Protein backbone atom coordinates (compact mmCIF):
# COMPACT_ATOMS: atom_id res chain seq x y z
CA MET A 1 -15.94 -25.81 -20.39
CA TYR A 2 -15.02 -23.08 -17.79
CA GLN A 3 -11.32 -23.80 -18.34
CA ILE A 4 -11.67 -23.27 -22.04
CA LEU A 5 -13.52 -20.00 -21.63
CA SER A 6 -11.10 -18.76 -18.98
CA ASP A 7 -8.14 -19.55 -21.10
CA ASN A 8 -9.65 -17.69 -24.11
CA LEU A 9 -10.47 -14.63 -21.93
CA ILE A 10 -6.92 -14.59 -20.55
CA LYS A 11 -5.55 -14.61 -24.17
CA MET A 12 -7.68 -11.80 -25.21
CA ASN A 13 -7.06 -9.54 -22.23
CA LYS A 14 -4.34 -6.99 -21.62
CA LYS A 15 -1.27 -8.04 -19.74
CA ILE A 16 0.50 -6.58 -16.77
CA LYS A 17 4.31 -6.24 -17.43
CA HIS A 18 6.56 -8.37 -15.24
CA PHE A 19 10.01 -7.39 -14.07
CA LYS A 20 12.93 -8.99 -12.23
CA VAL A 21 14.44 -7.72 -8.95
CA THR A 22 17.51 -6.86 -10.82
CA ASP A 23 15.80 -4.84 -13.40
CA PRO A 24 16.55 -1.01 -13.14
CA ILE A 25 14.14 0.76 -10.86
CA GLU A 26 13.84 3.61 -13.52
CA SER A 27 12.43 0.84 -16.02
CA VAL A 28 9.89 -0.34 -13.43
CA LEU A 29 8.66 3.29 -12.67
CA HIS A 30 8.36 4.07 -16.31
CA ALA A 31 6.07 1.27 -16.78
CA LEU A 32 4.18 2.16 -13.67
CA ASP A 33 3.75 5.70 -15.06
CA GLU A 34 2.41 4.26 -18.40
CA ASP A 35 0.16 1.54 -17.00
CA ALA A 36 -0.22 2.19 -13.32
CA GLY A 37 0.24 -1.46 -12.54
CA VAL A 38 3.38 -3.67 -12.80
CA ILE A 39 4.56 -7.02 -11.19
CA ILE A 40 8.08 -7.74 -9.83
CA ASP A 41 8.63 -11.48 -9.57
CA ASN A 42 10.22 -13.48 -6.86
CA VAL A 43 10.97 -10.56 -4.39
CA MET A 44 10.37 -12.31 -1.07
CA THR A 45 12.70 -15.00 0.29
CA ASP A 46 11.54 -18.62 1.02
CA ASP A 47 11.94 -17.88 4.80
CA GLN A 48 9.96 -14.69 4.55
CA LEU A 49 7.07 -16.53 2.86
CA SER A 50 7.10 -19.34 5.30
CA SER A 51 7.17 -16.98 8.35
CA ILE A 52 4.45 -14.70 7.21
CA GLN A 53 2.17 -17.61 6.50
CA LYS A 54 2.70 -18.83 10.04
CA GLU A 55 2.28 -15.34 11.50
CA LEU A 56 -1.15 -14.73 9.63
CA LYS A 57 -2.53 -18.25 10.24
CA PRO A 58 -4.01 -17.67 13.85
CA TYR A 59 -5.63 -14.46 12.72
CA LEU A 60 -7.16 -16.05 9.71
CA LYS A 61 -8.66 -18.61 11.82
CA GLN A 62 -10.70 -16.10 13.70
CA ALA A 63 -11.23 -13.42 10.98
CA GLN A 64 -14.87 -12.91 9.80
CA ASN A 65 -15.90 -12.52 6.16
CA GLY A 66 -17.08 -9.09 4.74
CA GLN A 67 -20.56 -7.87 5.28
CA ASP A 68 -21.23 -6.37 1.83
CA ASN A 69 -20.40 -6.89 -1.75
CA PHE A 70 -17.43 -4.55 -1.68
CA THR A 71 -15.59 -6.24 1.13
CA GLY A 72 -16.77 -9.59 -0.19
CA PHE A 73 -19.05 -12.08 1.56
CA LYS A 74 -16.31 -14.78 1.22
CA THR A 75 -13.30 -12.62 1.84
CA GLN A 76 -11.39 -12.18 5.06
CA ARG A 77 -9.44 -9.04 6.03
CA ILE A 78 -6.77 -8.75 8.73
CA GLY A 79 -5.36 -5.31 9.77
CA ALA A 80 -2.69 -4.01 12.25
CA LEU A 81 -0.06 -6.05 10.28
CA ILE A 82 2.84 -3.96 11.63
CA ALA A 83 1.82 -4.78 15.21
CA ARG A 84 1.01 -8.42 14.47
CA SER A 85 3.48 -9.69 11.87
CA PRO A 86 7.23 -9.16 12.03
CA THR A 87 7.59 -10.23 8.45
CA SER A 88 5.15 -7.66 7.43
CA ARG A 89 7.42 -5.00 9.08
CA ASP A 90 10.34 -6.33 6.92
CA LEU A 91 8.17 -6.13 3.79
CA ALA A 92 6.99 -2.56 4.61
CA MET A 93 10.66 -1.54 5.02
CA HIS A 94 11.90 -3.39 1.84
CA SER A 95 14.62 -1.10 0.50
CA MET A 96 13.64 -1.64 -3.27
CA ILE A 97 10.03 -0.84 -2.50
CA ASN A 98 10.69 2.26 -0.41
CA GLN A 99 13.16 3.62 -2.99
CA MET A 100 10.44 3.34 -5.62
CA ALA A 101 7.88 4.76 -3.36
CA GLU A 102 9.99 7.77 -2.65
CA LEU A 103 10.78 8.41 -6.15
CA PHE A 104 7.11 7.95 -7.25
CA LEU A 105 5.58 10.24 -4.64
CA HIS A 106 8.24 12.90 -4.17
CA ASP A 107 6.94 15.43 -6.59
CA HIS A 108 4.02 16.03 -4.27
CA CYS A 109 5.42 15.67 -0.82
CA ASP A 110 8.48 16.07 1.42
CA ASN A 111 7.86 12.76 3.10
CA TYR A 112 5.84 9.64 2.76
CA GLN A 113 4.31 7.21 5.15
CA LEU A 114 2.76 3.72 5.43
CA HIS A 115 -0.90 4.33 4.64
CA PHE A 116 -2.50 1.05 4.90
CA THR A 117 -1.91 -2.65 5.85
CA SER A 118 -4.21 -5.58 5.34
CA ALA A 119 -3.97 -9.25 4.61
CA ILE A 120 -6.87 -10.05 2.19
CA ASN A 121 -7.87 -13.65 1.79
CA ILE A 122 -10.28 -14.40 -1.12
CA GLY A 123 -12.17 -17.56 -0.49
CA PRO A 124 -13.59 -20.09 -3.02
CA GLY A 125 -16.80 -18.90 -4.48
CA GLU A 126 -16.09 -15.15 -4.03
CA THR A 127 -17.50 -12.92 -6.83
CA PRO A 128 -15.42 -10.11 -8.47
CA GLN A 129 -15.12 -6.95 -6.50
CA ILE A 130 -16.37 -3.83 -8.29
CA LEU A 131 -13.60 -1.85 -10.00
CA HIS A 132 -12.53 1.24 -8.07
CA ARG A 133 -9.77 3.71 -7.44
CA ASP A 134 -8.03 3.66 -3.96
CA ARG A 135 -7.76 7.47 -4.03
CA GLY A 136 -11.45 7.64 -3.37
CA VAL A 137 -10.75 7.07 0.31
CA TRP A 138 -10.21 10.89 0.50
CA GLY A 139 -13.61 11.55 -0.91
CA GLY A 140 -12.43 12.81 -4.40
CA TYR A 141 -11.13 16.04 -3.00
CA VAL A 142 -7.52 15.59 -3.91
CA PRO A 143 -6.73 16.99 -7.45
CA ARG A 144 -6.06 14.15 -9.92
CA LYS A 145 -2.80 15.68 -11.00
CA ILE A 146 -1.48 14.65 -7.54
CA GLU A 147 -0.87 10.99 -7.28
CA THR A 148 -1.86 9.84 -3.85
CA GLN A 149 -0.62 6.32 -3.46
CA PHE A 150 2.07 3.81 -4.15
CA SER A 151 0.63 0.50 -3.37
CA ALA A 152 2.01 -2.95 -3.04
CA ILE A 153 0.23 -6.39 -2.88
CA TRP A 154 2.53 -9.28 -1.79
CA ALA A 155 1.47 -12.68 -3.08
CA ILE A 156 1.51 -15.01 -0.16
CA THR A 157 -0.20 -17.73 -2.31
CA ASP A 158 0.01 -17.97 -6.17
CA PHE A 159 -2.33 -15.47 -7.82
CA THR A 160 -4.17 -17.04 -10.74
CA PHE A 161 -7.15 -16.01 -12.92
CA GLU A 162 -9.06 -18.96 -11.41
CA ASN A 163 -8.40 -18.06 -7.70
CA GLY A 164 -9.09 -14.34 -7.79
CA ALA A 165 -5.95 -12.53 -9.02
CA THR A 166 -6.41 -8.87 -8.74
CA GLN A 167 -8.08 -7.13 -11.66
CA ILE A 168 -6.13 -4.15 -13.03
CA VAL A 169 -7.13 -1.82 -15.86
CA PRO A 170 -3.67 -0.63 -17.33
CA GLY A 171 -3.78 3.00 -18.30
CA SER A 172 -7.04 3.82 -16.56
CA HIS A 173 -5.30 6.25 -14.30
CA LYS A 174 -5.37 8.66 -17.39
CA TRP A 175 -8.96 8.08 -18.24
CA ASP A 176 -11.95 10.28 -17.74
CA LYS A 177 -13.39 9.32 -14.27
CA ASP A 178 -16.64 8.05 -15.84
CA ARG A 179 -15.17 5.81 -18.49
CA GLU A 180 -15.78 2.01 -17.84
CA PRO A 181 -13.47 -0.61 -19.25
CA GLU A 182 -14.47 -3.11 -21.84
CA PRO A 183 -13.85 -6.73 -20.66
CA ASP A 184 -10.66 -7.10 -22.86
CA GLU A 185 -9.14 -4.00 -21.13
CA ILE A 186 -9.05 -5.76 -17.85
CA ALA A 187 -5.78 -7.37 -17.01
CA TYR A 188 -5.19 -9.98 -14.14
CA ALA A 189 -2.23 -9.90 -11.74
CA GLU A 190 -1.27 -13.50 -12.20
CA MET A 191 1.95 -14.04 -10.27
CA LYS A 192 3.73 -16.68 -8.21
CA ALA A 193 3.90 -16.54 -4.33
CA LYS A 194 6.78 -14.16 -3.23
CA SER A 195 6.09 -11.78 -6.08
CA VAL A 196 4.62 -8.30 -5.59
CA LEU A 197 2.07 -6.24 -7.61
CA ILE A 198 2.73 -2.45 -7.63
CA TYR A 199 -0.03 -0.12 -8.52
CA THR A 200 -1.18 3.44 -8.11
CA GLY A 201 -4.10 5.06 -6.31
CA SER A 202 -5.63 6.18 -9.51
CA VAL A 203 -5.93 2.92 -11.50
CA LEU A 204 -9.16 0.94 -11.72
CA HIS A 205 -8.68 -2.38 -9.95
CA GLY A 206 -10.48 -4.82 -7.72
CA GLY A 207 -10.32 -8.32 -6.24
CA GLY A 208 -10.82 -11.20 -8.70
CA GLU A 209 -13.42 -13.86 -8.85
CA ASN A 210 -12.37 -17.10 -7.09
CA ASN A 211 -13.67 -20.26 -9.11
CA SER A 212 -11.04 -22.44 -7.58
CA LYS A 213 -11.15 -24.57 -4.48
CA GLU A 214 -8.28 -22.70 -2.73
CA SER A 215 -8.11 -19.31 -1.10
CA ARG A 216 -6.07 -16.50 -2.48
CA LEU A 217 -3.98 -14.60 0.11
CA GLY A 218 -2.19 -11.30 -0.34
CA VAL A 219 -0.58 -8.80 1.97
CA PHE A 220 -1.38 -5.13 1.09
CA LEU A 221 1.06 -2.42 2.13
CA HIS A 222 0.24 1.10 0.74
CA TYR A 223 2.23 4.27 0.91
CA ALA A 224 1.06 7.85 0.58
CA PRO A 225 2.25 11.48 1.18
CA SER A 226 2.64 12.28 4.93
CA TRP A 227 0.35 15.24 4.65
CA LEU A 228 -2.65 12.91 3.94
CA ARG A 229 -4.65 11.17 6.65
CA GLN A 230 -3.76 7.47 6.78
CA GLU A 231 -6.53 5.02 5.87
CA GLU A 232 -5.42 2.86 8.68
CA ASN A 233 -4.88 4.69 11.97
CA GLN A 234 -1.47 3.36 12.82
CA TYR A 235 -1.41 5.08 16.33
CA LEU A 236 -4.33 2.93 17.38
CA SER A 237 -3.36 -0.24 15.29
CA CYS A 238 0.16 0.10 16.48
CA PRO A 239 0.23 2.11 19.76
CA PRO A 240 3.45 3.44 21.45
CA GLU A 241 3.68 0.55 23.82
CA ILE A 242 4.15 -1.70 20.69
CA ALA A 243 5.95 0.84 18.48
CA LYS A 244 8.65 1.39 21.21
CA ASP A 245 10.31 -1.93 20.17
CA PHE A 246 10.61 -0.98 16.51
CA SER A 247 13.51 0.71 14.82
CA PRO A 248 13.41 4.47 14.48
CA GLU A 249 13.12 4.11 10.80
CA LEU A 250 9.94 1.98 10.93
CA ARG A 251 8.39 4.25 13.55
CA LYS A 252 8.92 7.13 11.18
CA LEU A 253 7.37 5.15 8.31
CA ILE A 254 4.20 4.44 10.13
CA GLY A 255 3.81 8.09 11.38
CA TYR A 256 5.60 8.57 14.57
CA SER A 257 7.46 11.62 13.15
CA LYS A 258 6.60 15.09 11.78
CA GLY A 259 5.59 15.32 8.12
CA GLY A 260 6.81 19.01 8.02
CA TYR A 261 8.05 21.81 10.16
CA VAL A 262 4.86 21.76 12.31
CA LEU A 263 2.81 18.99 10.73
CA GLY A 264 2.11 16.22 13.16
CA PHE A 265 3.61 17.63 16.38
CA TYR A 266 2.45 16.63 19.78
CA THR A 267 2.70 17.80 23.44
CA ASP A 268 2.79 15.56 26.43
CA PRO A 269 -0.05 16.69 28.61
CA ASN A 270 1.80 15.30 31.70
CA ASP A 271 5.18 16.93 31.02
CA GLU A 272 6.34 19.20 33.72
CA THR A 273 9.71 20.11 32.29
CA GLY A 274 8.60 22.07 29.28
CA GLU A 275 10.76 19.89 27.03
CA LEU A 276 7.85 17.97 25.40
CA GLU A 277 5.98 21.00 24.13
CA SER A 278 5.17 20.92 20.41
CA VAL A 279 7.73 18.31 19.54
CA SER A 280 8.05 15.47 17.11
CA PRO A 281 6.26 12.14 18.05
CA SER A 282 9.78 10.62 17.74
CA ARG A 283 10.50 12.18 21.14
CA LEU A 284 8.16 9.61 22.66
CA PHE A 285 10.94 7.14 22.20
CA ASN A 286 13.87 9.42 22.95
CA ASP A 287 14.89 9.42 19.17
CA GLN A 288 17.22 12.17 18.00
CA ARG A 289 15.59 15.39 16.88
CA ASP A 290 14.28 15.05 13.30
CA LYS A 291 15.21 17.31 10.42
CA TYR A 292 12.28 19.71 11.30
CA SER A 293 13.44 20.41 14.77
CA ARG A 294 15.13 23.67 13.60
CA ILE A 295 14.78 25.75 10.49
CA GLU A 296 17.60 27.53 8.68
CA SER A 297 15.49 30.33 7.45
CA ALA A 298 11.97 31.53 8.27
CA SER A 299 11.67 33.23 4.97
CA GLU A 300 12.68 30.13 3.21
CA LEU A 301 10.03 28.17 5.19
CA VAL A 302 7.31 30.67 3.95
CA LYS A 303 8.59 30.58 0.41
CA GLU A 304 8.38 26.83 0.34
CA SER A 305 4.81 26.76 1.55
CA LEU A 306 3.65 27.30 -2.06
CA LYS A 307 5.09 25.01 -4.57
CA LYS A 308 5.47 25.77 -8.19
CA GLY A 309 2.75 24.39 -10.43
CA ILE A 310 0.39 23.46 -7.63
């Protein structure tokens, strides 16, 4: 009986558009602008899938379930993925995803950063998570005309309606904040392992209900403008003694860089040379000076401090 009801519900509900890796990025972003949620199929390699499953396994063995009905009493969460999982680093740096993130976010920032990492494992018997917008992490203070996030959920297992595929309400990023969806307006991010769901910080979404006997595992990697505080504190989750072994590009992505001319500088309190006064965090690792080390024109800097239309 359950299977008949679920099949009928899936047929009635809205669908999330699927794309191939070879499809033009512009087409994917156009659909994302319209619906605020799209799926790109078969992005990971077989080796990446196998590796990340092995890397996460020991942490899943010790991870506890959530303690409330938002985090889920039968759902595990694992953070610090950049420090713990080499394959997660590769996914975070995926060229196609980063190209899309930059194009999607660039209207409201000069740079973007990795905002959040988590492996979320929805266990059998889990109830559906309340629908929410991720931009709420900043307390609702960021104007809605500014899109705050470009988010990716990498499918480590198949995502099905039965095992808790992410709920997405296509188009809800354009709704009044108090409007609630009808059941047939909710889509389910059904996708095969190795695929990725892309969605925005303004779309209503939530973890699905798991009525299967298997867990549903996804890796969440979210990106946001570099002038917003990161949801996951990367400097504690991935401290300098770990980050020193990363590429300069990955260090920049997780926040070991300046987000503007003076945004995010640091001073080494033990420096006796005067060379590490108000510098980019990249200097921790002897990286080359970033593009904000010098300015061409002070007047241009002041002029750019107020953007048109904001």
